[in-house]
N, C-alpha and C. Protein backbone atom coordinates (compact mmCIF):
# COMPACT_ATOMS: atom_id res chain seq x y z
N MET A 1 -11.24 16.52 -57.28
CA MET A 1 -10.05 16.73 -58.14
C MET A 1 -9.12 15.48 -57.88
N LYS A 2 -8.47 15.15 -58.97
CA LYS A 2 -7.62 13.94 -59.00
C LYS A 2 -6.22 14.42 -58.48
N THR A 3 -5.49 13.45 -57.98
CA THR A 3 -4.06 13.73 -57.46
C THR A 3 -3.18 12.86 -58.46
N ILE A 4 -2.10 13.57 -58.85
CA ILE A 4 -1.15 12.90 -59.70
C ILE A 4 0.22 13.02 -59.05
N THR A 5 0.98 11.95 -59.04
CA THR A 5 2.37 11.96 -58.55
C THR A 5 3.37 12.04 -59.71
N LEU A 6 4.28 12.90 -59.60
CA LEU A 6 5.31 13.04 -60.62
C LEU A 6 6.62 12.35 -60.08
N ARG A 7 7.16 11.58 -60.82
CA ARG A 7 8.44 10.89 -60.38
C ARG A 7 9.58 11.31 -61.25
N ASN A 8 10.73 11.12 -60.71
CA ASN A 8 12.06 11.31 -61.48
C ASN A 8 12.18 12.78 -62.07
N ILE A 9 11.87 13.74 -61.22
CA ILE A 9 12.00 15.20 -61.61
C ILE A 9 13.51 15.47 -61.41
N ASP A 10 14.16 15.90 -62.43
CA ASP A 10 15.57 16.18 -62.22
C ASP A 10 15.80 17.46 -61.53
N ASP A 11 16.97 17.59 -60.99
CA ASP A 11 17.38 18.67 -60.09
C ASP A 11 17.22 20.07 -60.75
N GLU A 12 17.50 20.15 -62.02
CA GLU A 12 17.34 21.45 -62.78
C GLU A 12 15.94 21.91 -62.74
N LEU A 13 15.02 21.02 -63.13
CA LEU A 13 13.66 21.29 -63.27
C LEU A 13 13.02 21.65 -61.92
N LYS A 14 13.44 20.91 -60.97
CA LYS A 14 12.97 21.10 -59.52
C LYS A 14 13.34 22.50 -59.07
N GLN A 15 14.62 22.90 -59.33
CA GLN A 15 15.10 24.21 -58.97
C GLN A 15 14.35 25.27 -59.64
N VAL A 16 14.09 25.24 -60.92
CA VAL A 16 13.37 26.17 -61.69
C VAL A 16 11.92 26.34 -61.08
N LEU A 17 11.32 25.24 -60.90
CA LEU A 17 9.94 25.27 -60.35
C LEU A 17 9.91 25.96 -59.00
N GLU A 18 10.80 25.56 -58.11
CA GLU A 18 10.86 26.14 -56.76
C GLU A 18 11.26 27.60 -56.72
N GLU A 19 12.08 28.10 -57.75
CA GLU A 19 12.36 29.50 -57.86
C GLU A 19 11.24 30.33 -58.34
N GLN A 20 10.45 29.72 -59.35
CA GLN A 20 9.20 30.36 -59.78
C GLN A 20 8.19 30.45 -58.67
N ALA A 21 8.00 29.37 -57.89
CA ALA A 21 7.06 29.35 -56.75
C ALA A 21 7.42 30.55 -55.81
N ALA A 22 8.74 30.63 -55.38
CA ALA A 22 9.17 31.58 -54.56
C ALA A 22 8.97 32.95 -55.02
N TYR A 23 9.35 33.19 -56.25
CA TYR A 23 9.20 34.53 -56.91
C TYR A 23 7.73 35.00 -56.98
N SER A 24 6.86 34.08 -57.33
CA SER A 24 5.41 34.44 -57.50
C SER A 24 4.61 34.30 -56.27
N SER A 25 5.22 33.89 -55.11
CA SER A 25 4.57 33.68 -53.81
C SER A 25 3.43 32.64 -53.95
N GLN A 26 3.71 31.59 -54.69
CA GLN A 26 2.72 30.52 -54.86
C GLN A 26 3.29 29.22 -54.49
N SER A 27 2.34 28.28 -54.18
CA SER A 27 2.90 26.97 -53.96
C SER A 27 3.51 26.31 -54.99
N LEU A 28 4.34 25.28 -54.82
CA LEU A 28 4.88 24.56 -55.95
C LEU A 28 3.83 23.89 -56.76
N ASN A 29 2.82 23.44 -56.04
CA ASN A 29 1.72 22.73 -56.81
C ASN A 29 0.92 23.76 -57.70
N THR A 30 0.73 24.92 -57.22
CA THR A 30 0.02 25.95 -58.07
C THR A 30 0.88 26.30 -59.27
N VAL A 31 2.22 26.28 -59.14
CA VAL A 31 3.07 26.76 -60.19
C VAL A 31 3.15 25.62 -61.30
N VAL A 32 3.09 24.31 -60.82
CA VAL A 32 3.06 23.14 -61.82
C VAL A 32 1.77 23.12 -62.47
N LEU A 33 0.72 23.28 -61.78
CA LEU A 33 -0.68 23.24 -62.38
C LEU A 33 -0.77 24.36 -63.48
N ASN A 34 -0.36 25.55 -63.17
CA ASN A 34 -0.42 26.62 -64.09
C ASN A 34 0.49 26.46 -65.29
N LYS A 35 1.66 25.88 -65.21
CA LYS A 35 2.48 25.55 -66.25
C LYS A 35 1.92 24.57 -67.18
N LEU A 36 1.26 23.51 -66.58
CA LEU A 36 0.62 22.38 -67.45
C LEU A 36 -0.57 23.07 -68.15
N ARG A 37 -1.38 23.83 -67.52
CA ARG A 37 -2.52 24.50 -68.24
C ARG A 37 -2.06 25.34 -69.26
N GLU A 38 -0.99 26.15 -68.96
CA GLU A 38 -0.43 27.01 -70.00
C GLU A 38 0.12 26.21 -71.28
N SER A 39 0.70 25.10 -70.96
CA SER A 39 1.34 24.35 -72.05
C SER A 39 0.30 23.72 -72.96
N TYR A 40 -0.96 23.54 -72.49
CA TYR A 40 -2.02 22.86 -73.26
C TYR A 40 -2.96 24.08 -73.74
N GLY A 41 -2.65 25.29 -73.54
CA GLY A 41 -3.47 26.42 -74.01
C GLY A 41 -4.72 26.65 -73.17
N LEU A 42 -4.72 26.21 -71.96
CA LEU A 42 -5.85 26.32 -71.05
C LEU A 42 -5.58 27.63 -70.25
N LYS A 43 -6.78 28.23 -69.75
CA LYS A 43 -6.63 29.39 -68.89
C LYS A 43 -5.96 29.05 -67.56
N GLU A 44 -5.40 30.03 -66.96
CA GLU A 44 -4.75 29.80 -65.60
C GLU A 44 -5.94 29.72 -64.60
N ASP A 45 -5.68 28.89 -63.60
CA ASP A 45 -6.68 28.76 -62.48
C ASP A 45 -7.01 30.07 -61.87
N THR A 46 -8.19 30.64 -61.99
CA THR A 46 -8.52 31.87 -61.37
C THR A 46 -9.42 31.73 -60.11
N ASN A 47 -9.56 30.54 -59.59
CA ASN A 47 -10.39 30.33 -58.41
C ASN A 47 -9.62 30.94 -57.12
N ARG A 48 -8.38 31.08 -57.24
CA ARG A 48 -7.71 31.66 -56.08
C ARG A 48 -7.44 33.02 -56.19
N PRO A 49 -7.55 33.96 -55.04
CA PRO A 49 -7.31 35.31 -55.16
C PRO A 49 -5.81 35.47 -55.34
N PRO A 50 -5.40 36.61 -56.00
CA PRO A 50 -4.00 36.89 -56.17
C PRO A 50 -3.37 37.18 -54.74
N PRO A 51 -2.08 36.84 -54.58
CA PRO A 51 -1.38 37.07 -53.36
C PRO A 51 -1.49 38.64 -52.99
N ASN A 52 -1.60 38.97 -51.73
CA ASN A 52 -1.58 40.33 -51.26
C ASN A 52 -0.17 40.83 -51.24
N ARG A 53 0.15 41.85 -52.04
CA ARG A 53 1.52 42.27 -52.21
C ARG A 53 1.70 43.71 -51.69
N ASP A 54 0.61 44.32 -50.91
CA ASP A 54 0.70 45.63 -50.48
C ASP A 54 1.93 46.11 -49.74
N LEU A 55 2.37 45.17 -48.83
CA LEU A 55 3.54 45.59 -48.06
C LEU A 55 4.84 44.92 -48.51
N LEU A 56 4.81 44.33 -49.69
CA LEU A 56 6.01 43.64 -50.19
C LEU A 56 7.22 44.57 -50.25
N GLN A 57 7.04 45.87 -50.57
CA GLN A 57 8.19 46.70 -50.76
C GLN A 57 8.80 46.97 -49.39
N LEU A 58 8.03 46.83 -48.30
CA LEU A 58 8.60 47.14 -46.99
C LEU A 58 9.36 45.94 -46.35
N ALA A 59 8.98 44.71 -46.77
CA ALA A 59 9.55 43.51 -46.19
C ALA A 59 11.08 43.54 -46.54
N GLY A 60 11.95 43.63 -45.46
CA GLY A 60 13.28 43.58 -45.60
C GLY A 60 13.91 44.64 -46.39
N GLY A 61 13.23 45.74 -46.58
CA GLY A 61 13.66 46.93 -47.36
C GLY A 61 14.42 48.02 -46.53
N TRP A 62 14.46 47.93 -45.25
CA TRP A 62 15.24 48.90 -44.47
C TRP A 62 16.57 48.46 -44.13
N SER A 63 17.52 49.40 -44.26
CA SER A 63 18.82 49.16 -43.86
C SER A 63 18.90 49.29 -42.36
N ASP A 64 20.05 49.00 -41.77
CA ASP A 64 20.24 49.12 -40.37
C ASP A 64 20.10 50.61 -39.90
N ASP A 65 20.57 51.44 -40.78
CA ASP A 65 20.56 52.90 -40.47
C ASP A 65 19.06 53.43 -40.46
N ASP A 66 18.35 52.91 -41.53
CA ASP A 66 16.89 53.26 -41.61
C ASP A 66 16.18 52.78 -40.33
N ALA A 67 16.47 51.62 -39.86
CA ALA A 67 15.67 51.11 -38.72
C ALA A 67 16.13 51.86 -37.47
N GLU A 68 17.31 52.27 -37.31
CA GLU A 68 17.86 53.01 -36.09
C GLU A 68 17.16 54.37 -36.14
N SER A 69 17.01 54.99 -37.31
CA SER A 69 16.49 56.29 -37.43
C SER A 69 15.01 56.27 -36.99
N PHE A 70 14.31 55.18 -37.54
CA PHE A 70 12.86 55.04 -37.17
C PHE A 70 12.76 54.82 -35.69
N ASN A 71 13.51 53.98 -35.08
CA ASN A 71 13.40 53.70 -33.68
C ASN A 71 13.73 54.98 -32.82
N GLN A 72 14.67 55.75 -33.38
CA GLN A 72 14.96 57.01 -32.47
C GLN A 72 13.82 57.99 -32.74
N ALA A 73 13.25 58.12 -33.89
CA ALA A 73 12.12 59.04 -34.19
C ALA A 73 10.77 58.58 -33.45
N THR A 74 10.72 57.36 -33.14
CA THR A 74 9.47 56.88 -32.53
C THR A 74 9.62 56.43 -31.10
N ALA A 75 10.76 56.66 -30.55
CA ALA A 75 11.04 56.28 -29.19
C ALA A 75 10.13 56.93 -28.12
N ALA A 76 9.76 58.14 -28.36
CA ALA A 76 8.82 58.87 -27.46
C ALA A 76 7.49 58.23 -27.37
N PHE A 77 7.02 57.49 -28.41
CA PHE A 77 5.72 56.83 -28.38
C PHE A 77 5.68 55.74 -27.35
N GLY A 78 6.76 55.21 -26.91
CA GLY A 78 6.86 54.12 -25.96
C GLY A 78 6.86 54.61 -24.53
N LYS A 79 7.00 55.86 -24.26
CA LYS A 79 6.95 56.47 -22.94
C LYS A 79 5.61 56.66 -22.45
N ILE A 80 5.32 56.39 -21.18
CA ILE A 80 4.00 56.59 -20.56
C ILE A 80 4.13 57.78 -19.66
N ASP A 81 3.21 58.70 -19.80
CA ASP A 81 3.10 59.84 -18.98
C ASP A 81 2.31 59.46 -17.77
N LEU A 82 2.88 59.13 -16.61
CA LEU A 82 2.26 58.66 -15.45
C LEU A 82 1.32 59.75 -14.84
N GLU A 83 1.66 61.01 -14.98
CA GLU A 83 0.81 62.10 -14.43
C GLU A 83 -0.57 62.16 -15.21
N MET A 84 -0.50 61.77 -16.44
CA MET A 84 -1.70 61.78 -17.32
C MET A 84 -2.71 60.75 -16.88
N TRP A 85 -2.13 59.64 -16.41
CA TRP A 85 -3.08 58.47 -16.05
C TRP A 85 -3.45 58.39 -14.67
N LYS A 86 -3.25 59.51 -13.80
CA LYS A 86 -3.70 59.53 -12.43
C LYS A 86 -5.08 59.93 -12.36
């Protein structure tokens, strides 16, 4: 594959591309390539698997109260019963 360098990208375009990359969990390069393909009516590159989003809803989704409740509810799992291991 060929490499192309883009010069003189204005701040507004750069910001939009970076936001799209972050939102879609894709690299900036992938976003730019997909936008170019889209603008010419070509299919999106499907050689790459879609990002795994199974746990996305859990990432950063707990409040401090939720985390404290979880820690209290699971505190017993961290205790070792020494009698059991003799």
